[in-house]
PDB file of N, CA and C in Angstrom:
ATOM      1  N   MET A   1     -51.166 -22.251  54.147  1.00  0.00           N
ATOM      2  CA  MET A   1     -49.962 -22.658  53.458  1.00  0.00           C
ATOM      3  C   MET A   1     -48.795 -22.163  53.779  1.00  0.00           C
ATOM      4  N   GLU A   2     -47.726 -23.110  53.554  1.00  0.00           N
ATOM      5  CA  GLU A   2     -46.481 -22.855  53.947  1.00  0.00           C
ATOM      6  C   GLU A   2     -45.638 -22.704  52.750  1.00  0.00           C
ATOM      7  N   TYR A   3     -44.729 -21.904  52.533  1.00  0.00           N
ATOM      8  CA  TYR A   3     -43.981 -21.888  51.602  1.00  0.00           C
ATOM      9  C   TYR A   3     -42.444 -21.844  51.508  1.00  0.00           C
ATOM     10  N   ASN A   4     -42.160 -22.372  50.712  1.00  0.00           N
ATOM     11  CA  ASN A   4     -40.724 -22.636  50.995  1.00  0.00           C
ATOM     12  C   ASN A   4     -39.734 -22.358  49.535  1.00  0.00           C
ATOM     13  N   PHE A   5     -38.867 -21.340  49.445  1.00  0.00           N
ATOM     14  CA  PHE A   5     -38.528 -20.881  47.655  1.00  0.00           C
ATOM     15  C   PHE A   5     -36.719 -21.030  48.328  1.00  0.00           C
ATOM     16  N   ASP A   6     -36.451 -21.430  49.067  1.00  0.00           N
ATOM     17  CA  ASP A   6     -34.904 -21.542  49.840  1.00  0.00           C
ATOM     18  C   ASP A   6     -34.026 -22.726  48.428  1.00  0.00           C
ATOM     19  N   GLN A   7     -34.836 -23.644  47.822  1.00  0.00           N
ATOM     20  CA  GLN A   7     -34.108 -23.773  46.618  1.00  0.00           C
ATOM     21  C   GLN A   7     -33.892 -23.255  45.245  1.00  0.00           C
ATOM     22  N   VAL A   8     -34.884 -22.049  45.305  1.00  0.00           N
ATOM     23  CA  VAL A   8     -35.050 -21.435  44.152  1.00  0.00           C
ATOM     24  C   VAL A   8     -33.505 -20.502  43.955  1.00  0.00           C
ATOM     25  N   HIS A   9     -32.726 -20.473  42.878  1.00  0.00           N
ATOM     26  CA  HIS A   9     -31.706 -19.747  42.665  1.00  0.00           C
ATOM     27  C   HIS A   9     -31.651 -19.306  41.463  1.00  0.00           C
ATOM     28  N   ASN A  10     -30.914 -18.733  40.712  1.00  0.00           N
ATOM     29  CA  ASN A  10     -30.518 -18.509  39.510  1.00  0.00           C
ATOM     30  C   ASN A  10     -29.100 -19.338  39.186  1.00  0.00           C
ATOM     31  N   TYR A  11     -29.400 -20.320  38.120  1.00  0.00           N
ATOM     32  CA  TYR A  11     -28.742 -20.797  37.801  1.00  0.00           C
ATOM     33  C   TYR A  11     -27.294 -20.928  37.695  1.00  0.00           C
ATOM     34  N   PHE A  12     -27.053 -19.443  37.079  1.00  0.00           N
ATOM     35  CA  PHE A  12     -25.523 -18.703  36.764  1.00  0.00           C
ATOM     36  C   PHE A  12     -25.237 -18.726  37.888  1.00  0.00           C
ATOM     37  N   GLU A  13     -25.481 -18.119  38.890  1.00  0.00           N
ATOM     38  CA  GLU A  13     -24.612 -17.451  39.822  1.00  0.00           C
ATOM     39  C   GLU A  13     -23.874 -18.586  40.211  1.00  0.00           C
ATOM     40  N   ARG A  14     -23.719 -19.757  40.340  1.00  0.00           N
ATOM     41  CA  ARG A  14     -22.915 -20.666  40.869  1.00  0.00           C
ATOM     42  C   ARG A  14     -21.347 -21.201  39.706  1.00  0.00           C
ATOM     43  N   LEU A  15     -22.144 -20.893  38.473  1.00  0.00           N
ATOM     44  CA  LEU A  15     -21.184 -21.160  37.569  1.00  0.00           C
ATOM     45  C   LEU A  15     -20.420 -19.877  37.337  1.00  0.00           C
ATOM     46  N   VAL A  16     -21.185 -18.475  37.412  1.00  0.00           N
ATOM     47  CA  VAL A  16     -19.856 -17.021  37.298  1.00  0.00           C
ATOM     48  C   VAL A  16     -19.477 -17.229  38.926  1.00  0.00           C
ATOM     49  N   PHE A  17     -19.784 -17.717  40.102  1.00  0.00           N
ATOM     50  CA  PHE A  17     -18.705 -17.362  41.535  1.00  0.00           C
ATOM     51  C   PHE A  17     -17.405 -18.163  40.944  1.00  0.00           C
ATOM     52  N   GLU A  18     -17.987 -19.983  40.965  1.00  0.00           N
ATOM     53  CA  GLU A  18     -16.708 -20.641  40.500  1.00  0.00           C
ATOM     54  C   GLU A  18     -15.779 -20.131  39.858  1.00  0.00           C
ATOM     55  N   GLU A  19     -16.760 -19.700  38.939  1.00  0.00           N
ATOM     56  CA  GLU A  19     -15.734 -19.266  37.531  1.00  0.00           C
ATOM     57  C   GLU A  19     -14.538 -18.281  37.551  1.00  0.00           C
ATOM     58  N   VAL A  20     -15.128 -17.356  38.603  1.00  0.00           N
ATOM     59  CA  VAL A  20     -14.447 -16.047  38.867  1.00  0.00           C
ATOM     60  C   VAL A  20     -13.567 -16.230  40.197  1.00  0.00           C
ATOM     61  N   ALA A  21     -13.949 -17.654  40.671  1.00  0.00           N
ATOM     62  CA  ALA A  21     -12.853 -17.888  41.739  1.00  0.00           C
ATOM     63  C   ALA A  21     -11.753 -18.671  41.018  1.00  0.00           C
ATOM     64  N   ARG A  22     -11.966 -19.488  40.426  1.00  0.00           N
ATOM     65  CA  ARG A  22     -10.805 -20.632  39.381  1.00  0.00           C
ATOM     66  C   ARG A  22      -9.777 -19.325  38.771  1.00  0.00           C
ATOM     67  N   ARG A  23     -10.701 -18.281  38.119  1.00  0.00           N
ATOM     68  CA  ARG A  23      -9.626 -17.397  37.136  1.00  0.00           C
ATOM     69  C   ARG A  23      -8.976 -16.612  37.860  1.00  0.00           C
ATOM     70  N   ALA A  24      -9.602 -16.069  39.353  1.00  0.00           N
ATOM     71  CA  ALA A  24      -8.430 -15.451  40.112  1.00  0.00           C
ATOM     72  C   ALA A  24      -7.037 -15.670  40.545  1.00  0.00           C
ATOM     73  N   GLN A  25      -7.367 -17.181  40.418  1.00  0.00           N
ATOM     74  CA  GLN A  25      -5.915 -18.105  40.691  1.00  0.00           C
ATOM     75  C   GLN A  25      -5.093 -17.929  39.830  1.00  0.00           C
ATOM     76  N   GLN A  26      -5.290 -17.623  38.601  1.00  0.00           N
ATOM     77  CA  GLN A  26      -4.585 -17.105  37.305  1.00  0.00           C
ATOM     78  C   GLN A  26      -3.822 -16.516  37.621  1.00  0.00           C
ATOM     79  N   PRO A  27      -2.276 -16.511  37.315  1.00  0.00           N
ATOM     80  CA  PRO A  27      -1.343 -15.087  37.337  1.00  0.00           C
ATOM     81  C   PRO A  27      -1.903 -13.813  36.527  1.00  0.00           C
ATOM     82  N   ALA A  28      -2.364 -14.034  35.410  1.00  0.00           N
ATOM     83  CA  ALA A  28      -3.472 -12.936  34.675  1.00  0.00           C
ATOM     84  C   ALA A  28      -4.075 -11.982  35.444  1.00  0.00           C
ATOM     85  N   TYR A  29      -4.635 -12.356  36.652  1.00  0.00           N
ATOM     86  CA  TYR A  29      -6.332 -12.272  37.419  1.00  0.00           C
ATOM     87  C   TYR A  29      -5.310 -11.484  38.579  1.00  0.00           C
ATOM     88  N   SER A  30      -4.014 -11.470  38.864  1.00  0.00           N
ATOM     89  CA  SER A  30      -3.185 -11.505  40.719  1.00  0.00           C
ATOM     90  C   SER A  30      -3.919 -10.509  41.153  1.00  0.00           C
ATOM     91  N   SER A  31      -3.858  -9.151  40.284  1.00  0.00           N
ATOM     92  CA  SER A  31      -4.019  -7.931  40.909  1.00  0.00           C
ATOM     93  C   SER A  31      -5.450  -7.895  41.090  1.00  0.00           C
ATOM     94  N   TYR A  32      -6.599  -8.544  41.287  1.00  0.00           N
ATOM     95  CA  TYR A  32      -7.679  -8.436  41.090  1.00  0.00           C
ATOM     96  C   TYR A  32      -7.789  -8.199  42.631  1.00  0.00           C
ATOM     97  N   THR A  33      -8.468  -7.190  43.898  1.00  0.00           N
ATOM     98  CA  THR A  33      -8.969  -7.829  44.896  1.00  0.00           C
ATOM     99  C   THR A  33      -9.869  -8.337  44.974  1.00  0.00           C
ATOM    100  N   ALA A  34     -10.177  -8.938  46.262  1.00  0.00           N
ATOM    101  CA  ALA A  34     -11.927  -9.363  46.267  1.00  0.00           C
ATOM    102  C   ALA A  34     -12.931  -8.291  46.427  1.00  0.00           C
ATOM    103  N   ASP A  35     -12.611  -6.962  45.924  1.00  0.00           N
ATOM    104  CA  ASP A  35     -13.792  -6.420  45.929  1.00  0.00           C
ATOM    105  C   ASP A  35     -14.019  -6.151  44.412  1.00  0.00           C
ATOM    106  N   MET A  36     -12.816  -6.365  43.965  1.00  0.00           N
ATOM    107  CA  MET A  36     -13.134  -6.397  42.199  1.00  0.00           C
ATOM    108  C   MET A  36     -13.842  -7.562  41.682  1.00  0.00           C
ATOM    109  N   LEU A  37     -13.285  -8.668  42.407  1.00  0.00           N
ATOM    110  CA  LEU A  37     -13.798 -10.069  41.978  1.00  0.00           C
ATOM    111  C   LEU A  37     -15.321 -10.097  42.246  1.00  0.00           C
ATOM    112  N   ALA A  38     -15.698  -9.536  43.292  1.00  0.00           N
ATOM    113  CA  ALA A  38     -16.945  -9.356  43.542  1.00  0.00           C
ATOM    114  C   ALA A  38     -17.949  -8.047  42.684  1.00  0.00           C
ATOM    115  N   ASP A  39     -16.720  -7.720  42.149  1.00  0.00           N
ATOM    116  CA  ASP A  39     -17.426  -6.436  41.249  1.00  0.00           C
ATOM    117  C   ASP A  39     -17.788  -7.060  39.565  1.00  0.00           C
ATOM    118  N   VAL A  40     -17.025  -7.972  39.480  1.00  0.00           N
ATOM    119  CA  VAL A  40     -16.784  -8.840  38.161  1.00  0.00           C
ATOM    120  C   VAL A  40     -17.809  -9.780  38.153  1.00  0.00           C
ATOM    121  N   ALA A  41     -18.343 -10.443  39.683  1.00  0.00           N
ATOM    122  CA  ALA A  41     -19.122 -11.482  39.465  1.00  0.00           C
ATOM    123  C   ALA A  41     -20.992 -10.486  39.359  1.00  0.00           C
ATOM    124  N   CYS A  42     -20.786  -9.906  39.905  1.00  0.00           N
ATOM    125  CA  CYS A  42     -22.005  -8.889  39.607  1.00  0.00           C
ATOM    126  C   CYS A  42     -21.971  -8.250  38.162  1.00  0.00           C
ATOM    127  N   LEU A  43     -21.410  -7.953  37.641  1.00  0.00           N
ATOM    128  CA  LEU A  43     -21.473  -7.205  36.212  1.00  0.00           C
ATOM    129  C   LEU A  43     -21.617  -8.359  35.043  1.00  0.00           C
ATOM    130  N   ALA A  44     -20.985  -9.836  35.533  1.00  0.00           N
ATOM    131  CA  ALA A  44     -21.344 -10.756  35.056  1.00  0.00           C
ATOM    132  C   ALA A  44     -22.854 -11.084  34.791  1.00  0.00           C
ATOM    133  N   LEU A  45     -23.392 -11.464  36.153  1.00  0.00           N
ATOM    134  CA  LEU A  45     -24.774 -11.651  36.118  1.00  0.00           C
ATOM    135  C   LEU A  45     -25.682 -10.937  35.647  1.00  0.00           C
ATOM    136  N   ASN A  46     -25.300  -9.379  35.778  1.00  0.00           N
ATOM    137  CA  ASN A  46     -26.453  -8.852  34.834  1.00  0.00           C
ATOM    138  C   ASN A  46     -26.188  -8.551  33.640  1.00  0.00           C
ATOM    139  N   ARG A  47     -24.987  -9.325  32.818  1.00  0.00           N
ATOM    140  CA  ARG A  47     -25.063  -9.256  31.530  1.00  0.00           C
ATOM    141  C   ARG A  47     -25.526 -10.765  30.936  1.00  0.00           C
ATOM    142  N   LEU A  48     -25.951 -11.578  31.917  1.00  0.00           N
ATOM    143  CA  LEU A  48     -26.707 -12.984  31.442  1.00  0.00           C
ATOM    144  C   LEU A  48     -28.010 -13.290  32.072  1.00  0.00           C
ATOM    145  N   PRO A  49     -28.890 -14.356  30.811  1.00  0.00           N
ATOM    146  CA  PRO A  49     -30.081 -13.552  31.462  1.00  0.00           C
ATOM    147  C   PRO A  49     -30.469 -14.324  32.666  1.00  0.00           C
ATOM    148  N   ALA A  50     -31.270 -14.523  33.479  1.00  0.00           N
ATOM    149  CA  ALA A  50     -31.761 -15.168  35.027  1.00  0.00           C
ATOM    150  C   ALA A  50     -32.632 -16.431  34.317  1.00  0.00           C
ATOM    151  N   ARG A  51     -31.680 -17.241  34.961  1.00  0.00           N
ATOM    152  CA  ARG A  51     -32.503 -18.551  34.830  1.00  0.00           C
ATOM    153  C   ARG A  51     -32.586 -19.510  35.729  1.00  0.00           C
ATOM    154  N   TYR A  52     -33.494 -18.860  36.271  1.00  0.00           N
ATOM    155  CA  TYR A  52     -33.864 -19.593  37.845  1.00  0.00           C
ATOM    156  C   TYR A  52     -34.997 -21.226  37.923  1.00  0.00           C
ATOM    157  N   VAL A  53     -33.979 -21.797  38.948  1.00  0.00           N
ATOM    158  CA  VAL A  53     -34.433 -23.423  38.871  1.00  0.00           C
ATOM    159  C   VAL A  53     -34.144 -23.547  40.149  1.00  0.00           C
ATOM    160  N   ARG A  54     -34.970 -24.613  40.684  1.00  0.00           N
ATOM    161  CA  ARG A  54     -34.823 -25.193  42.024  1.00  0.00           C
ATOM    162  C   ARG A  54     -33.239 -26.395  42.012  1.00  0.00           C
ATOM    163  N   HIS A  55     -33.412 -26.999  41.532  1.00  0.00           N
ATOM    164  CA  HIS A  55     -32.202 -27.916  40.838  1.00  0.00           C
ATOM    165  C   HIS A  55     -31.440 -27.757  40.007  1.00  0.00           C
ATOM    166  N   ASP A  56     -29.991 -27.580  39.914  1.00  0.00           N
ATOM    167  CA  ASP A  56     -29.612 -27.467  38.611  1.00  0.00           C
ATOM    168  C   ASP A  56     -29.518 -28.462  37.728  1.00  0.00           C
ATOM    169  N   VAL A  57     -29.259 -29.961  38.313  1.00  0.00           N
ATOM    170  CA  VAL A  57     -29.496 -30.844  37.396  1.00  0.00           C
ATOM    171  C   VAL A  57     -30.799 -30.876  36.575  1.00  0.00           C
ATOM    172  N   ASP A  58     -32.045 -30.538  36.896  1.00  0.00           N
ATOM    173  CA  ASP A  58     -33.239 -30.016  36.269  1.00  0.00           C
ATOM    174  C   ASP A  58     -32.602 -29.055  34.864  1.00  0.00           C
ATOM    175  N   MET A  59     -32.000 -28.156  34.970  1.00  0.00           N
ATOM    176  CA  MET A  59     -31.793 -27.369  34.138  1.00  0.00           C
ATOM    177  C   MET A  59     -30.918 -28.035  33.269  1.00  0.00           C
ATOM    178  N   MET A  60     -30.140 -28.737  33.294  1.00  0.00           N
ATOM    179  CA  MET A  60     -28.744 -29.462  32.091  1.00  0.00           C
ATOM    180  C   MET A  60     -29.961 -30.557  31.800  1.00  0.00           C
ATOM    181  N   PHE A  61     -31.091 -31.363  32.663  1.00  0.00           N
ATOM    182  CA  PHE A  61     -31.262 -32.213  31.767  1.00  0.00           C
ATOM    183  C   PHE A  61     -32.443 -31.956  30.308  1.00  0.00           C
ATOM    184  N   TYR A  62     -32.721 -30.713  30.720  1.00  0.00           N
ATOM    185  CA  TYR A  62     -33.408 -29.893  29.584  1.00  0.00           C
ATOM    186  C   TYR A  62     -32.772 -29.252  28.594  1.00  0.00           C
ATOM    187  N   LEU A  63     -31.373 -29.640  28.788  1.00  0.00           N
ATOM    188  CA  LEU A  63     -30.827 -28.291  27.868  1.00  0.00           C
ATOM    189  C   LEU A  63     -30.341 -29.162  26.802  1.00  0.00           C
ATOM    190  N   THR A  64     -30.517 -28.839  25.121  1.00  0.00           N
ATOM    191  CA  THR A  64     -29.649 -29.442  24.166  1.00  0.00           C
ATOM    192  C   THR A  64     -28.026 -29.568  24.555  1.00  0.00           C
ATOM    193  N   GLU A  65     -27.444 -30.507  23.322  1.00  0.00           N
ATOM    194  CA  GLU A  65     -26.184 -30.509  23.691  1.00  0.00           C
ATOM    195  C   GLU A  65     -25.716 -28.478  23.221  1.00  0.00           C
ATOM    196  N   GLN A  66     -25.892 -28.380  21.900  1.00  0.00           N
ATOM    197  CA  GLN A  66     -26.021 -27.198  21.505  1.00  0.00           C
ATOM    198  C   GLN A  66     -26.280 -25.960  22.513  1.00  0.00           C
ATOM    199  N   GLU A  67     -27.650 -25.519  23.619  1.00  0.00           N
ATOM    200  CA  GLU A  67     -28.004 -24.953  24.570  1.00  0.00           C
ATOM    201  C   GLU A  67     -26.267 -24.655  25.270  1.00  0.00           C
ATOM    202  N   ARG A  68     -26.307 -25.974  25.683  1.00  0.00           N
ATOM    203  CA  ARG A  68     -25.182 -26.174  26.845  1.00  0.00           C
ATOM    204  C   ARG A  68     -23.844 -25.317  26.184  1.00  0.00           C
ATOM    205  N   GLN A  69     -23.466 -25.646  25.148  1.00  0.00           N
ATOM    206  CA  GLN A  69     -22.087 -25.012  24.480  1.00  0.00           C
ATOM    207  C   GLN A  69     -22.462 -23.464  24.112  1.00  0.00           C
ATOM    208  N   ALA A  70     -23.818 -23.275  23.985  1.00  0.00           N
ATOM    209  CA  ALA A  70     -24.028 -21.301  23.811  1.00  0.00           C
ATOM    210  C   ALA A  70     -23.729 -20.949  25.271  1.00  0.00           C
ATOM    211  N   MET A  71     -24.365 -21.930  26.155  1.00  0.00           N
ATOM    212  CA  MET A  71     -24.150 -21.005  27.406  1.00  0.00           C
ATOM    213  C   MET A  71     -22.817 -20.777  28.411  1.00  0.00           C
ATOM    214  N   GLU A  72     -22.591 -21.915  27.643  1.00  0.00           N
ATOM    215  CA  GLU A  72     -20.415 -21.741  28.256  1.00  0.00           C
ATOM    216  C   GLU A  72     -19.877 -20.783  27.787  1.00  0.00           C
ATOM    217  N   HIS A  73     -20.221 -20.454  26.419  1.00  0.00           N
ATOM    218  CA  HIS A  73     -20.003 -19.676  25.195  1.00  0.00           C
ATOM    219  C   HIS A  73     -20.013 -18.217  26.202  1.00  0.00           C
ATOM    220  N   SER A  74     -21.260 -17.708  25.874  1.00  0.00           N
ATOM    221  CA  SER A  74     -21.940 -16.735  26.951  1.00  0.00           C
ATOM    222  C   SER A  74     -21.403 -16.740  28.089  1.00  0.00           C
ATOM    223  N   LEU A  75     -21.040 -17.581  29.000  1.00  0.00           N
ATOM    224  CA  LEU A  75     -20.457 -16.842  30.133  1.00  0.00           C
ATOM    225  C   LEU A  75     -18.910 -17.116  29.908  1.00  0.00           C
ATOM    226  N   ASP A  76     -18.366 -17.747  29.234  1.00  0.00           N
ATOM    227  CA  ASP A  76     -17.124 -17.172  28.660  1.00  0.00           C
ATOM    228  C   ASP A  76     -16.654 -15.453  28.525  1.00  0.00           C
ATOM    229  N   GLU A  77     -17.435 -15.326  27.242  1.00  0.00           N
ATOM    230  CA  GLU A  77     -17.708 -13.973  26.400  1.00  0.00           C
ATOM    231  C   GLU A  77     -17.881 -13.032  27.526  1.00  0.00           C
ATOM    232  N   VAL A  78     -19.154 -13.086  28.620  1.00  0.00           N
ATOM    233  CA  VAL A  78     -19.376 -12.272  29.536  1.00  0.00           C
ATOM    234  C   VAL A  78     -18.130 -12.277  30.798  1.00  0.00           C
ATOM    235  N   LEU A  79     -17.434 -12.857  30.818  1.00  0.00           N
ATOM    236  CA  LEU A  79     -16.314 -13.113  31.875  1.00  0.00           C
ATOM    237  C   LEU A  79     -15.226 -12.370  31.636  1.00  0.00           C
ATOM    238  N   LYS A  80     -15.204 -12.540  30.572  1.00  0.00           N
ATOM    239  CA  LYS A  80     -13.534 -11.898  29.668  1.00  0.00           C
ATOM    240  C   LYS A  80     -13.974 -10.116  29.573  1.00  0.00           C
ATOM    241  N   PHE A  81     -15.128  -9.791  29.468  1.00  0.00           N
ATOM    242  CA  PHE A  81     -15.588  -8.650  29.296  1.00  0.00           C
ATOM    243  C   PHE A  81     -15.715  -7.855  30.823  1.00  0.00           C
ATOM    244  N   SER A  82     -16.284  -8.666  31.593  1.00  0.00           N
ATOM    245  CA  SER A  82     -16.111  -8.405  33.421  1.00  0.00           C
ATOM    246  C   SER A  82     -14.895  -7.848  34.152  1.00  0.00           C
ATOM    247  N   PHE A  83     -14.043  -9.167  33.440  1.00  0.00           N
ATOM    248  CA  PHE A  83     -12.793  -8.542  34.219  1.00  0.00           C
ATOM    249  C   PHE A  83     -11.845  -7.757  33.546  1.00  0.00           C
ATOM    250  N   ALA A  84     -11.792  -7.318  32.189  1.00  0.00           N
ATOM    251  CA  ALA A  84     -11.487  -5.979  31.395  1.00  0.00           C
ATOM    252  C   ALA A  84     -12.421  -4.696  32.057  1.00  0.00           C
ATOM    253  N   PHE A  85     -13.599  -4.723  32.139  1.00  0.00           N
ATOM    254  CA  PHE A  85     -14.223  -3.826  32.786  1.00  0.00           C
ATOM    255  C   PHE A  85     -13.794  -2.972  33.904  1.00  0.00           C
ATOM    256  N   VAL A  86     -13.635  -4.196  34.866  1.00  0.00           N
ATOM    257  CA  VAL A  86     -13.560  -3.881  36.444  1.00  0.00           C
ATOM    258  C   VAL A  86     -12.172  -3.256  36.498  1.00  0.00           C
ATOM    259  N   LEU A  87     -10.956  -3.887  35.437  1.00  0.00           N
ATOM    260  CA  LEU A  87      -9.663  -3.647  35.803  1.00  0.00           C
ATOM    261  C   LEU A  87      -9.705  -2.296  35.122  1.00  0.00           C
ATOM    262  N   GLU A  88     -10.058  -1.773  34.270  1.00  0.00           N
ATOM    263  CA  GLU A  88     -10.126  -0.405  33.517  1.00  0.00           C
ATOM    264  C   GLU A  88     -10.407   0.406  34.436  1.00  0.00           C
ATOM    265  N   ARG A  89     -11.837   0.220  34.913  1.00  0.00           N
ATOM    266  CA  ARG A  89     -12.337   1.443  36.196  1.00  0.00           C
ATOM    267  C   ARG A  89     -11.799   1.223  37.026  1.00  0.00           C
ATOM    268  N   ASN A  90     -11.117   0.247  37.292  1.00  0.00           N
ATOM    269  CA  ASN A  90     -10.147   0.778  38.762  1.00  0.00           C
ATOM    270  C   ASN A  90      -8.846   1.323  38.476  1.00  0.00           C
ATOM    271  N   ALA A  91      -8.379   1.239  37.091  1.00  0.00           N
ATOM    272  CA  ALA A  91      -7.035   1.464  36.988  1.00  0.00           C
ATOM    273  C   ALA A  91      -7.594   3.366  36.710  1.00  0.00           C
ATOM    274  N   ARG A  92      -8.781   3.803  36.298  1.00  0.00           N
ATOM    275  CA  ARG A  92      -9.410   4.768  36.448  1.00  0.00           C
ATOM    276  C   ARG A  92      -9.340   5.398  37.666  1.00  0.00           C
ATOM    277  N   SER A  93      -9.921   4.966  38.211  1.00  0.00           N
ATOM    278  CA  SER A  93     -10.475   5.524  39.958  1.00  0.00           C
ATOM    279  C   SER A  93      -8.604   5.669  40.425  1.00  0.00           C
ATOM    280  N   MET A  94      -7.602   5.274  39.843  1.00  0.00           N
ATOM    281  CA  MET A  94      -6.569   5.136  41.157  1.00  0.00           C
ATOM    282  C   MET A  94      -5.447   6.319  40.136  1.00  0.00           C
ATOM    283  N   ARG A  95      -5.958   6.890  39.397  1.00  0.00           N
ATOM    284  CA  ARG A  95      -5.141   8.344  38.503  1.00  0.00           C
ATOM    285  C   ARG A  95      -5.494   9.391  39.627  1.00  0.00           C
TER     286      ARG A  95
END
């Protein structure tokens, strides 16, 4: 029997990567290096629950509007925390 797990991924990965990249374009985050942005993404993903899917559309199909809003809120809160945490840690290491 042949196995193919290529499509299996954490639903939050794409969302986190896209949102980190989007926020990195904002002036408030212009001081973040590529390494810092990668740290932000890792920290955020580690603070979110793993939601493994084969197709993103499957996840969205089965969520209620309330669950979707809760996920968006969680993502926003986790990213705010992660950006602040990485910036503070980077500032401390520069001293």
